[in-house]
């Protein structure tokens, strides 16, 4: 039997308002309390109380910029736990064509905290494994010599990524594909580079959903050998 006390965290995450806030923060961008209140459909005072509970539990962190405070997930462990919970949670009811299209798009390409997920994320990990860019190590993956060269070819400093205070490369179970995509500092850096290059664009500001572009299809095919489409 596990020594972890799951009940307090489960109660916190299980509240509908806090669940919406945490889901919004899975996009990887810090959000102000007012924005989180708007997304959750509650008053600023109510949002502040919920955010205080999440802060006290260590599920979120806060950044101060002048008079403003911006909230974010506490780290990739929290993001991974939320993504894992989605695997055993029922899907939200789809009541319109727009909701159906949004759900399909989210399943195709999105961010899971700060790394690529969905069909696109799984395809990138599959390609890296097929080309032996990754090898299985203790607690996750490590880059092979060939893989390190390929990642550095994207303009990334592999040595610096290894020094970060987080996992370097590990599998993260994808809640829509039911298979792993790549997480860790190298996955986050690769995702940021793909977005900077215009391979993916946000479907809406602050949204997790990504849209692969024509240059992204070409770039992913050239670098990783992935075959994605514009269809989703």
C-alpha atoms as a PDB file:
ATOM      1  CA  UNK A   1       0.000   0.000   0.000  1.00  0.00           C
ATOM      2  CA  UNK A   2       1.304   3.437  -0.911  1.00  0.00           C
ATOM      3  CA  UNK A   3       2.357   5.762   1.906  1.00  0.00           C
ATOM      4  CA  UNK A   4       1.005   8.776  -0.005  1.00  0.00           C
ATOM      5  CA  UNK A   5      -2.140  10.473   1.310  1.00  0.00           C
ATOM      6  CA  UNK A   6      -4.090  10.944  -1.918  1.00  0.00           C
ATOM      7  CA  UNK A   7      -7.327  12.272  -0.431  1.00  0.00           C
ATOM      8  CA  UNK A   8      -6.355  15.932   0.244  1.00  0.00           C
ATOM      9  CA  UNK A   9      -4.950  16.469  -3.245  1.00  0.00           C
ATOM     10  CA  UNK A  10      -7.868  14.597  -4.822  1.00  0.00           C
ATOM     11  CA  UNK A  11     -10.335  16.873  -3.003  1.00  0.00           C
ATOM     12  CA  UNK A  12      -8.501  19.960  -4.234  1.00  0.00           C
ATOM     13  CA  UNK A  13      -8.317  18.851  -7.857  1.00  0.00           C
ATOM     14  CA  UNK A  14     -11.855  17.434  -7.782  1.00  0.00           C
ATOM     15  CA  UNK A  15     -13.505  20.810  -7.229  1.00  0.00           C
ATOM     16  CA  UNK A  16     -14.966  21.941 -10.602  1.00  0.00           C
ATOM     17  CA  UNK A  17     -13.696  25.525 -10.318  1.00  0.00           C
ATOM     18  CA  UNK A  18     -10.171  24.500  -9.372  1.00  0.00           C
ATOM     19  CA  UNK A  19     -10.185  21.800 -12.059  1.00  0.00           C
ATOM     20  CA  UNK A  20     -10.918  24.435 -14.729  1.00  0.00           C
ATOM     21  CA  UNK A  21      -8.115  26.637 -13.403  1.00  0.00           C
ATOM     22  CA  UNK A  22      -5.594  23.799 -13.385  1.00  0.00           C
ATOM     23  CA  UNK A  23      -6.629  22.728 -16.872  1.00  0.00           C
ATOM     24  CA  UNK A  24      -6.096  26.287 -18.126  1.00  0.00           C
ATOM     25  CA  UNK A  25      -2.614  26.353 -16.583  1.00  0.00           C
ATOM     26  CA  UNK A  26      -1.738  23.144 -18.440  1.00  0.00           C
ATOM     27  CA  UNK A  27      -1.194  25.395 -21.459  1.00  0.00           C
ATOM     28  CA  UNK A  28       2.117  26.303 -19.808  1.00  0.00           C
ATOM     29  CA  UNK A  29       1.523  30.071 -19.703  1.00  0.00           C
ATOM     30  CA  UNK A  30       1.248  31.986 -16.417  1.00  0.00           C
ATOM     31  CA  UNK A  31      -2.223  33.521 -16.056  1.00  0.00           C
ATOM     32  CA  UNK A  32      -3.525  36.350 -13.894  1.00  0.00           C
ATOM     33  CA  UNK A  33      -6.191  35.704 -11.274  1.00  0.00           C
ATOM     34  CA  UNK A  34      -8.708  37.726 -13.286  1.00  0.00           C
ATOM     35  CA  UNK A  35      -8.208  35.568 -16.360  1.00  0.00           C
ATOM     36  CA  UNK A  36      -8.554  32.379 -14.320  1.00  0.00           C
ATOM     37  CA  UNK A  37     -11.709  33.769 -12.698  1.00  0.00           C
ATOM     38  CA  UNK A  38     -13.173  34.508 -16.133  1.00  0.00           C
ATOM     39  CA  UNK A  39     -12.360  31.018 -17.437  1.00  0.00           C
ATOM     40  CA  UNK A  40     -13.865  29.368 -14.354  1.00  0.00           C
ATOM     41  CA  UNK A  41     -16.941  31.626 -14.371  1.00  0.00           C
ATOM     42  CA  UNK A  42     -16.475  32.873 -10.796  1.00  0.00           C
ATOM     43  CA  UNK A  43     -15.922  36.222  -9.082  1.00  0.00           C
ATOM     44  CA  UNK A  44     -12.449  37.573  -8.373  1.00  0.00           C
ATOM     45  CA  UNK A  45     -12.965  36.977  -4.646  1.00  0.00           C
ATOM     46  CA  UNK A  46     -13.952  33.347  -5.199  1.00  0.00           C
ATOM     47  CA  UNK A  47     -11.030  32.801  -7.567  1.00  0.00           C
ATOM     48  CA  UNK A  48      -8.619  34.239  -5.000  1.00  0.00           C
ATOM     49  CA  UNK A  49      -9.834  31.765  -2.375  1.00  0.00           C
ATOM     50  CA  UNK A  50      -9.416  28.805  -4.734  1.00  0.00           C
ATOM     51  CA  UNK A  51      -5.955  29.954  -5.835  1.00  0.00           C
ATOM     52  CA  UNK A  52      -4.909  30.302  -2.201  1.00  0.00           C
ATOM     53  CA  UNK A  53      -5.802  26.668  -1.555  1.00  0.00           C
ATOM     54  CA  UNK A  54      -3.879  25.509  -4.630  1.00  0.00           C
ATOM     55  CA  UNK A  55      -0.862  27.585  -3.583  1.00  0.00           C
ATOM     56  CA  UNK A  56      -0.921  26.193  -0.041  1.00  0.00           C
ATOM     57  CA  UNK A  57      -1.004  22.653  -1.450  1.00  0.00           C
ATOM     58  CA  UNK A  58       1.996  23.313  -3.688  1.00  0.00           C
ATOM     59  CA  UNK A  59       0.073  22.585  -6.886  1.00  0.00           C
ATOM     60  CA  UNK A  60       0.655  26.041  -8.354  1.00  0.00           C
ATOM     61  CA  UNK A  61       3.235  28.793  -8.038  1.00  0.00           C
ATOM     62  CA  UNK A  62       2.993  32.553  -8.424  1.00  0.00           C
ATOM     63  CA  UNK A  63       5.159  35.144 -10.156  1.00  0.00           C
ATOM     64  CA  UNK A  64       4.970  38.830  -9.246  1.00  0.00           C
ATOM     65  CA  UNK A  65       5.421  41.477 -11.925  1.00  0.00           C
ATOM     66  CA  UNK A  66       4.905  44.901 -10.435  1.00  0.00           C
ATOM     67  CA  UNK A  67       1.435  45.006  -8.924  1.00  0.00           C
ATOM     68  CA  UNK A  68       0.318  41.944 -10.837  1.00  0.00           C
ATOM     69  CA  UNK A  69       0.523  38.282  -9.867  1.00  0.00           C
ATOM     70  CA  UNK A  70       0.606  35.495 -12.421  1.00  0.00           C
ATOM     71  CA  UNK A  71      -0.114  31.884 -11.554  1.00  0.00           C
ATOM     72  CA  UNK A  72       1.421  28.765 -13.103  1.00  0.00           C
ATOM     73  CA  UNK A  73       1.577  25.052 -12.366  1.00  0.00           C
ATOM     74  CA  UNK A  74       4.210  24.182  -9.772  1.00  0.00           C
ATOM     75  CA  UNK A  75       6.087  22.003 -12.251  1.00  0.00           C
ATOM     76  CA  UNK A  76       6.026  19.164 -14.737  1.00  0.00           C
ATOM     77  CA  UNK A  77       5.168  16.625 -12.017  1.00  0.00           C
ATOM     78  CA  UNK A  78       1.863  18.403 -11.411  1.00  0.00           C
ATOM     79  CA  UNK A  79       1.258  18.630 -15.163  1.00  0.00           C
ATOM     80  CA  UNK A  80       1.973  14.918 -15.553  1.00  0.00           C
ATOM     81  CA  UNK A  81      -0.426  14.059 -12.733  1.00  0.00           C
ATOM     82  CA  UNK A  82      -3.200  16.132 -14.326  1.00  0.00           C
ATOM     83  CA  UNK A  83      -2.574  14.544 -17.721  1.00  0.00           C
ATOM     84  CA  UNK A  84      -2.704  11.093 -16.089  1.00  0.00           C
ATOM     85  CA  UNK A  85      -5.999  11.944 -14.379  1.00  0.00           C
ATOM     86  CA  UNK A  86      -7.443  12.833 -17.767  1.00  0.00           C
ATOM     87  CA  UNK A  87      -6.806   9.231 -18.843  1.00  0.00           C
ATOM     88  CA  UNK A  88      -9.340   7.921 -16.321  1.00  0.00           C
ATOM     89  CA  UNK A  89     -11.796  10.824 -16.537  1.00  0.00           C
ATOM     90  CA  UNK A  90     -14.911  10.824 -18.730  1.00  0.00           C
ATOM     91  CA  UNK A  91     -14.879  13.120 -21.740  1.00  0.00           C
ATOM     92  CA  UNK A  92     -16.826  16.361 -21.506  1.00  0.00           C
ATOM     93  CA  UNK A  93     -20.191  16.133 -23.300  1.00  0.00           C
ATOM     94  CA  UNK A  94     -19.996  17.480 -26.863  1.00  0.00           C
ATOM     95  CA  UNK A  95     -23.064  19.607 -27.577  1.00  0.00           C
ATOM     96  CA  UNK A  96     -22.068  21.489 -30.708  1.00  0.00           C
ATOM     97  CA  UNK A  97     -20.064  21.174 -33.901  1.00  0.00           C
ATOM     98  CA  UNK A  98     -17.621  23.756 -32.555  1.00  0.00           C
ATOM     99  CA  UNK A  99     -16.983  21.686 -29.429  1.00  0.00           C
ATOM    100  CA  UNK A 100     -16.473  18.582 -31.568  1.00  0.00           C
ATOM    101  CA  UNK A 101     -13.968  20.374 -33.796  1.00  0.00           C
ATOM    102  CA  UNK A 102     -12.154  21.819 -30.772  1.00  0.00           C
ATOM    103  CA  UNK A 103     -11.849  18.395 -29.119  1.00  0.00           C
ATOM    104  CA  UNK A 104     -10.530  16.838 -32.332  1.00  0.00           C
ATOM    105  CA  UNK A 105      -8.005  19.649 -32.787  1.00  0.00           C
ATOM    106  CA  UNK A 106      -6.843  19.335 -29.169  1.00  0.00           C
ATOM    107  CA  UNK A 107      -6.261  15.637 -29.702  1.00  0.00           C
ATOM    108  CA  UNK A 108      -4.150  16.311 -32.779  1.00  0.00           C
ATOM    109  CA  UNK A 109      -1.678  18.836 -31.382  1.00  0.00           C
ATOM    110  CA  UNK A 110      -1.501  20.655 -28.062  1.00  0.00           C
ATOM    111  CA  UNK A 111       0.881  21.532 -25.272  1.00  0.00           C
ATOM    112  CA  UNK A 112       1.030  19.419 -22.133  1.00  0.00           C
ATOM    113  CA  UNK A 113       2.435  22.078 -19.788  1.00  0.00           C
ATOM    114  CA  UNK A 114       5.478  23.048 -21.894  1.00  0.00           C
ATOM    115  CA  UNK A 115       5.924  20.134 -24.301  1.00  0.00           C
ATOM    116  CA  UNK A 116       4.207  18.812 -27.426  1.00  0.00           C
ATOM    117  CA  UNK A 117       1.342  16.348 -26.992  1.00  0.00           C
ATOM    118  CA  UNK A 118      -1.439  14.712 -28.970  1.00  0.00           C
ATOM    119  CA  UNK A 119      -0.970  12.923 -32.291  1.00  0.00           C
ATOM    120  CA  UNK A 120       1.910  15.270 -33.124  1.00  0.00           C
ATOM    121  CA  UNK A 121       3.718  14.713 -29.823  1.00  0.00           C
ATOM    122  CA  UNK A 122       3.415  10.933 -30.022  1.00  0.00           C
ATOM    123  CA  UNK A 123       4.626  11.010 -33.643  1.00  0.00           C
ATOM    124  CA  UNK A 124       7.761  12.964 -32.689  1.00  0.00           C
ATOM    125  CA  UNK A 125       8.635  10.521 -29.898  1.00  0.00           C
ATOM    126  CA  UNK A 126       7.993   7.525 -32.170  1.00  0.00           C
ATOM    127  CA  UNK A 127      10.278   9.029 -34.813  1.00  0.00           C
ATOM    128  CA  UNK A 128      13.052   9.690 -32.290  1.00  0.00           C
ATOM    129  CA  UNK A 129      12.852   6.101 -31.046  1.00  0.00           C
ATOM    130  CA  UNK A 130      12.700   4.654 -34.570  1.00  0.00           C
ATOM    131  CA  UNK A 131      15.843   6.566 -35.538  1.00  0.00           C
ATOM    132  CA  UNK A 132      17.557   5.563 -32.277  1.00  0.00           C
ATOM    133  CA  UNK A 133      17.947   9.142 -31.105  1.00  0.00           C
ATOM    134  CA  UNK A 134      16.844   8.015 -27.649  1.00  0.00           C
ATOM    135  CA  UNK A 135      17.781   5.110 -25.426  1.00  0.00           C
ATOM    136  CA  UNK A 136      15.971   3.983 -22.317  1.00  0.00           C
ATOM    137  CA  UNK A 137      17.786   4.902 -19.141  1.00  0.00           C
ATOM    138  CA  UNK A 138      17.101   5.008 -15.434  1.00  0.00           C
ATOM    139  CA  UNK A 139      13.944   7.041 -14.869  1.00  0.00           C
ATOM    140  CA  UNK A 140      13.376   7.915 -18.509  1.00  0.00           C
ATOM    141  CA  UNK A 141      15.267   8.445 -21.744  1.00  0.00           C
ATOM    142  CA  UNK A 142      18.678   9.732 -22.706  1.00  0.00           C
ATOM    143  CA  UNK A 143      19.887  11.028 -26.060  1.00  0.00           C
ATOM    144  CA  UNK A 144      22.240   8.885 -28.081  1.00  0.00           C
ATOM    145  CA  UNK A 145      25.184  10.531 -29.840  1.00  0.00           C
ATOM    146  CA  UNK A 146      23.094  10.715 -33.013  1.00  0.00           C
ATOM    147  CA  UNK A 147      20.127  12.105 -31.104  1.00  0.00           C
ATOM    148  CA  UNK A 148      22.201  14.763 -29.370  1.00  0.00           C
ATOM    149  CA  UNK A 149      23.594  15.880 -32.727  1.00  0.00           C
ATOM    150  CA  UNK A 150      20.075  16.089 -34.174  1.00  0.00           C
ATOM    151  CA  UNK A 151      18.760  18.114 -31.239  1.00  0.00           C
ATOM    152  CA  UNK A 152      21.762  20.436 -31.376  1.00  0.00           C
ATOM    153  CA  UNK A 153      20.979  20.821 -35.076  1.00  0.00           C
ATOM    154  CA  UNK A 154      17.804  22.584 -33.941  1.00  0.00           C
ATOM    155  CA  UNK A 155      20.009  25.156 -32.221  1.00  0.00           C
ATOM    156  CA  UNK A 156      19.659  23.732 -28.704  1.00  0.00           C
ATOM    157  CA  UNK A 157      22.388  23.364 -26.086  1.00  0.00           C
ATOM    158  CA  UNK A 158      22.049  19.769 -24.882  1.00  0.00           C
ATOM    159  CA  UNK A 159      24.627  20.184 -22.094  1.00  0.00           C
ATOM    160  CA  UNK A 160      22.726  23.171 -20.676  1.00  0.00           C
ATOM    161  CA  UNK A 161      19.431  21.273 -20.840  1.00  0.00           C
ATOM    162  CA  UNK A 162      20.952  18.459 -18.784  1.00  0.00           C
ATOM    163  CA  UNK A 163      21.840  20.935 -16.033  1.00  0.00           C
ATOM    164  CA  UNK A 164      18.292  22.120 -15.463  1.00  0.00           C
ATOM    165  CA  UNK A 165      16.587  21.167 -12.220  1.00  0.00           C
ATOM    166  CA  UNK A 166      14.053  18.849 -13.828  1.00  0.00           C
ATOM    167  CA  UNK A 167      13.990  15.581 -15.730  1.00  0.00           C
ATOM    168  CA  UNK A 168      15.922  15.679 -19.003  1.00  0.00           C
ATOM    169  CA  UNK A 169      13.800  13.317 -21.138  1.00  0.00           C
ATOM    170  CA  UNK A 170      11.021  11.013 -20.001  1.00  0.00           C
ATOM    171  CA  UNK A 171       7.806   9.465 -21.323  1.00  0.00           C
ATOM    172  CA  UNK A 172       4.539  11.216 -20.446  1.00  0.00           C
ATOM    173  CA  UNK A 173       1.389   9.192 -21.088  1.00  0.00           C
ATOM    174  CA  UNK A 174      -0.819  11.047 -23.571  1.00  0.00           C
ATOM    175  CA  UNK A 175      -4.455  11.178 -22.455  1.00  0.00           C
ATOM    176  CA  UNK A 176      -5.913  11.248 -25.968  1.00  0.00           C
ATOM    177  CA  UNK A 177      -3.551   8.800 -27.688  1.00  0.00           C
ATOM    178  CA  UNK A 178      -3.108   6.468 -24.695  1.00  0.00           C
ATOM    179  CA  UNK A 179       0.573   6.256 -25.613  1.00  0.00           C
ATOM    180  CA  UNK A 180       3.553   8.322 -24.439  1.00  0.00           C
ATOM    181  CA  UNK A 181       4.847  11.567 -25.820  1.00  0.00           C
ATOM    182  CA  UNK A 182       8.170  13.115 -24.768  1.00  0.00           C
ATOM    183  CA  UNK A 183       8.453  15.313 -21.664  1.00  0.00           C
ATOM    184  CA  UNK A 184      11.377  16.902 -19.839  1.00  0.00           C
ATOM    185  CA  UNK A 185      13.727  19.791 -20.487  1.00  0.00           C
ATOM    186  CA  UNK A 186      14.711  18.583 -23.958  1.00  0.00           C
ATOM    187  CA  UNK A 187      11.047  18.187 -24.981  1.00  0.00           C
ATOM    188  CA  UNK A 188      10.203  21.661 -23.673  1.00  0.00           C
ATOM    189  CA  UNK A 189      13.108  23.232 -25.555  1.00  0.00           C
ATOM    190  CA  UNK A 190      12.224  21.382 -28.763  1.00  0.00           C
ATOM    191  CA  UNK A 191       8.589  22.486 -28.497  1.00  0.00           C
ATOM    192  CA  UNK A 192       9.548  26.118 -27.893  1.00  0.00           C
ATOM    193  CA  UNK A 193      11.836  25.990 -30.937  1.00  0.00           C
ATOM    194  CA  UNK A 194       9.103  24.482 -33.122  1.00  0.00           C
ATOM    195  CA  UNK A 195       6.718  27.275 -32.126  1.00  0.00           C
ATOM    196  CA  UNK A 196       9.392  29.951 -32.646  1.00  0.00           C
ATOM    197  CA  UNK A 197      10.033  28.565 -36.134  1.00  0.00           C
ATOM    198  CA  UNK A 198       6.334  28.733 -36.928  1.00  0.00           C
ATOM    199  CA  UNK A 199       5.914  24.969 -37.235  1.00  0.00           C
ATOM    200  CA  UNK A 200       3.009  25.232 -34.806  1.00  0.00           C
ATOM    201  CA  UNK A 201       0.812  28.192 -33.902  1.00  0.00           C
ATOM    202  CA  UNK A 202      -1.620  28.621 -31.025  1.00  0.00           C
ATOM    203  CA  UNK A 203      -5.209  28.154 -32.104  1.00  0.00           C
ATOM    204  CA  UNK A 204      -6.206  30.882 -29.640  1.00  0.00           C
ATOM    205  CA  UNK A 205      -4.176  33.034 -27.260  1.00  0.00           C
ATOM    206  CA  UNK A 206      -3.684  31.191 -23.980  1.00  0.00           C
ATOM    207  CA  UNK A 207      -5.127  27.953 -25.366  1.00  0.00           C
ATOM    208  CA  UNK A 208      -3.392  24.564 -25.256  1.00  0.00           C
ATOM    209  CA  UNK A 209      -4.419  23.733 -28.794  1.00  0.00           C
ATOM    210  CA  UNK A 210      -1.807  23.995 -31.540  1.00  0.00           C
ATOM    211  CA  UNK A 211      -2.192  24.031 -35.306  1.00  0.00           C
ATOM    212  CA  UNK A 212       0.542  22.559 -37.465  1.00  0.00           C
ATOM    213  CA  UNK A 213       1.488  24.824 -40.385  1.00  0.00           C
ATOM    214  CA  UNK A 214       2.719  23.986 -43.861  1.00  0.00           C
ATOM    215  CA  UNK A 215       6.260  24.902 -42.802  1.00  0.00           C
ATOM    216  CA  UNK A 216       5.763  22.667 -39.773  1.00  0.00           C
ATOM    217  CA  UNK A 217       4.770  19.706 -41.911  1.00  0.00           C
ATOM    218  CA  UNK A 218       7.889  20.224 -44.017  1.00  0.00           C
ATOM    219  CA  UNK A 219      10.161  20.789 -41.018  1.00  0.00           C
ATOM    220  CA  UNK A 220       8.891  17.798 -39.055  1.00  0.00           C
ATOM    221  CA  UNK A 221       9.291  15.582 -42.109  1.00  0.00           C
ATOM    222  CA  UNK A 222      12.821  16.830 -42.763  1.00  0.00           C
ATOM    223  CA  UNK A 223      14.116  16.733 -39.186  1.00  0.00           C
ATOM    224  CA  UNK A 224      12.161  13.872 -37.610  1.00  0.00           C
ATOM    225  CA  UNK A 225      10.658  11.983 -40.532  1.00  0.00           C
ATOM    226  CA  UNK A 226       7.144  12.630 -39.164  1.00  0.00           C
ATOM    227  CA  UNK A 227       4.212  12.617 -41.574  1.00  0.00           C
ATOM    228  CA  UNK A 228       1.561  15.004 -40.311  1.00  0.00           C
ATOM    229  CA  UNK A 229      -1.231  16.723 -42.221  1.00  0.00           C
ATOM    230  CA  UNK A 230      -3.168  19.990 -42.131  1.00  0.00           C
ATOM    231  CA  UNK A 231      -6.430  18.087 -41.801  1.00  0.00           C
ATOM    232  CA  UNK A 232      -6.965  18.455 -38.064  1.00  0.00           C
END
